[in-house]
């Protein structure tokens, strides 16, 4: 059974940091590209960051470049999103996503709220 379980969300003040984690099981994690998406109230889900399976290259949305860092640990079947210099506009539900040529899996999401 495929599972993606996010954790690490919460309430943080502007300028603060959070580290999201996503624990994967039920598929060959190392062969999947891993993504973090987010969805703010009233907005479409948007791709925030990607880390590819081969060589671990990364890609970011312009809105988070220089502030967020995606990483993976294939030995732990986990992907992470380090979020620094958080802004109120980063408030959203953050979702972990695993993608291959044939499959697509989603986690249940974790809420991140940036507010003073």
Protein backbone atom coordinates (compact mmCIF):
# COMPACT_ATOMS: atom_id res chain seq x y z
CA UNK A 1 0.00 0.00 0.00
CA UNK A 2 1.43 3.34 -1.08
CA UNK A 3 1.69 5.99 1.61
CA UNK A 4 3.08 9.51 1.68
CA UNK A 5 2.90 11.07 5.14
CA UNK A 6 3.80 14.72 5.58
CA UNK A 7 4.79 16.30 8.88
CA UNK A 8 6.40 19.45 10.22
CA UNK A 9 3.78 22.05 9.41
CA UNK A 10 2.59 24.62 11.90
CA UNK A 11 2.32 28.28 12.78
CA UNK A 12 5.42 30.44 12.34
CA UNK A 13 6.09 34.16 12.38
CA UNK A 14 7.18 36.00 9.23
CA UNK A 15 10.92 35.54 8.72
CA UNK A 16 10.89 32.22 10.53
CA UNK A 17 11.72 28.73 9.34
CA UNK A 18 10.05 25.33 9.13
CA UNK A 19 11.21 21.95 7.87
CA UNK A 20 8.63 19.70 6.27
CA UNK A 21 9.17 15.98 6.02
CA UNK A 22 7.47 13.35 3.87
CA UNK A 23 7.88 9.67 4.67
CA UNK A 24 7.16 7.33 1.77
CA UNK A 25 6.35 3.64 1.67
CA UNK A 26 4.88 1.07 -0.68
CA UNK A 27 6.88 1.93 -3.81
CA UNK A 28 10.50 2.14 -4.96
CA UNK A 29 11.19 5.60 -3.61
CA UNK A 30 14.63 6.06 -5.18
CA UNK A 31 13.24 5.79 -8.71
CA UNK A 32 10.62 8.52 -8.30
CA UNK A 33 10.90 12.26 -8.74
CA UNK A 34 9.61 13.88 -5.56
CA UNK A 35 7.73 17.15 -5.44
CA UNK A 36 6.31 19.58 -2.94
CA UNK A 37 3.13 21.38 -3.96
CA UNK A 38 1.08 23.91 -2.02
CA UNK A 39 -2.46 25.18 -2.15
CA UNK A 40 -3.61 28.39 -0.52
CA UNK A 41 -7.30 29.09 0.16
CA UNK A 42 -9.08 30.05 -3.05
CA UNK A 43 -6.04 29.33 -5.21
CA UNK A 44 -4.93 26.51 -7.46
CA UNK A 45 -2.39 23.98 -6.29
CA UNK A 46 1.09 25.06 -7.38
CA UNK A 47 4.39 23.22 -7.73
CA UNK A 48 6.92 24.55 -5.23
CA UNK A 49 9.96 22.30 -5.62
CA UNK A 50 11.13 19.12 -7.36
CA UNK A 51 14.02 16.77 -6.73
CA UNK A 52 14.72 14.24 -9.43
CA UNK A 53 15.59 10.61 -8.84
CA UNK A 54 18.77 10.62 -10.92
CA UNK A 55 21.61 12.75 -9.50
CA UNK A 56 19.19 14.55 -7.16
CA UNK A 57 18.96 17.69 -9.29
CA UNK A 58 16.42 20.25 -8.09
CA UNK A 59 14.01 22.81 -9.44
CA UNK A 60 12.09 25.60 -7.67
CA UNK A 61 9.23 27.96 -8.28
CA UNK A 62 10.45 31.54 -8.68
CA UNK A 63 8.47 32.56 -5.60
CA UNK A 64 10.58 30.34 -3.29
CA UNK A 65 14.01 30.36 -4.96
CA UNK A 66 16.74 31.22 -2.48
CA UNK A 67 14.44 30.59 0.49
CA UNK A 68 13.36 26.93 0.20
CA UNK A 69 15.54 23.85 -0.20
CA UNK A 70 14.29 20.41 -1.21
CA UNK A 71 16.34 17.33 -0.33
CA UNK A 72 15.88 13.57 -0.20
CA UNK A 73 17.29 10.64 1.73
CA UNK A 74 16.76 7.49 -0.30
CA UNK A 75 17.96 5.32 2.60
CA UNK A 76 15.10 6.67 4.72
CA UNK A 77 12.55 6.91 1.89
CA UNK A 78 12.03 10.53 2.80
CA UNK A 79 11.94 13.93 1.18
CA UNK A 80 12.28 17.25 2.98
CA UNK A 81 11.50 20.91 2.38
CA UNK A 82 13.52 23.41 4.39
CA UNK A 83 11.67 26.72 4.35
CA UNK A 84 13.48 29.85 5.48
CA UNK A 85 12.54 33.54 5.49
CA UNK A 86 8.88 32.59 5.45
CA UNK A 87 6.33 35.15 4.29
CA UNK A 88 2.58 35.38 4.92
CA UNK A 89 2.03 34.48 1.27
CA UNK A 90 3.67 31.10 1.93
CA UNK A 91 0.61 30.16 3.99
CA UNK A 92 -0.93 27.07 2.42
CA UNK A 93 -1.45 23.36 2.74
CA UNK A 94 1.75 21.68 1.56
CA UNK A 95 1.54 18.34 -0.23
CA UNK A 96 4.17 15.74 -0.98
CA UNK A 97 3.95 14.11 -4.41
CA UNK A 98 5.77 11.17 -5.98
CA UNK A 99 5.88 10.91 -9.76
CA UNK A 100 7.17 8.35 -12.23
CA UNK A 101 6.39 7.75 -15.89
CA UNK A 102 3.54 5.45 -14.90
CA UNK A 103 2.45 6.51 -11.41
CA UNK A 104 1.50 9.52 -9.34
CA UNK A 105 0.96 9.53 -5.58
CA UNK A 106 -0.12 12.25 -3.15
CA UNK A 107 0.13 12.76 0.58
CA UNK A 108 -2.66 14.16 2.72
CA UNK A 109 -1.02 17.55 3.23
CA UNK A 110 0.27 19.58 6.16
CA UNK A 111 -0.82 23.10 7.02
CA UNK A 112 1.75 25.91 7.11
CA UNK A 113 0.59 29.25 8.47
CA UNK A 114 2.86 32.29 8.46
CA UNK A 115 1.43 35.01 10.66
CA UNK A 116 2.41 37.40 13.42
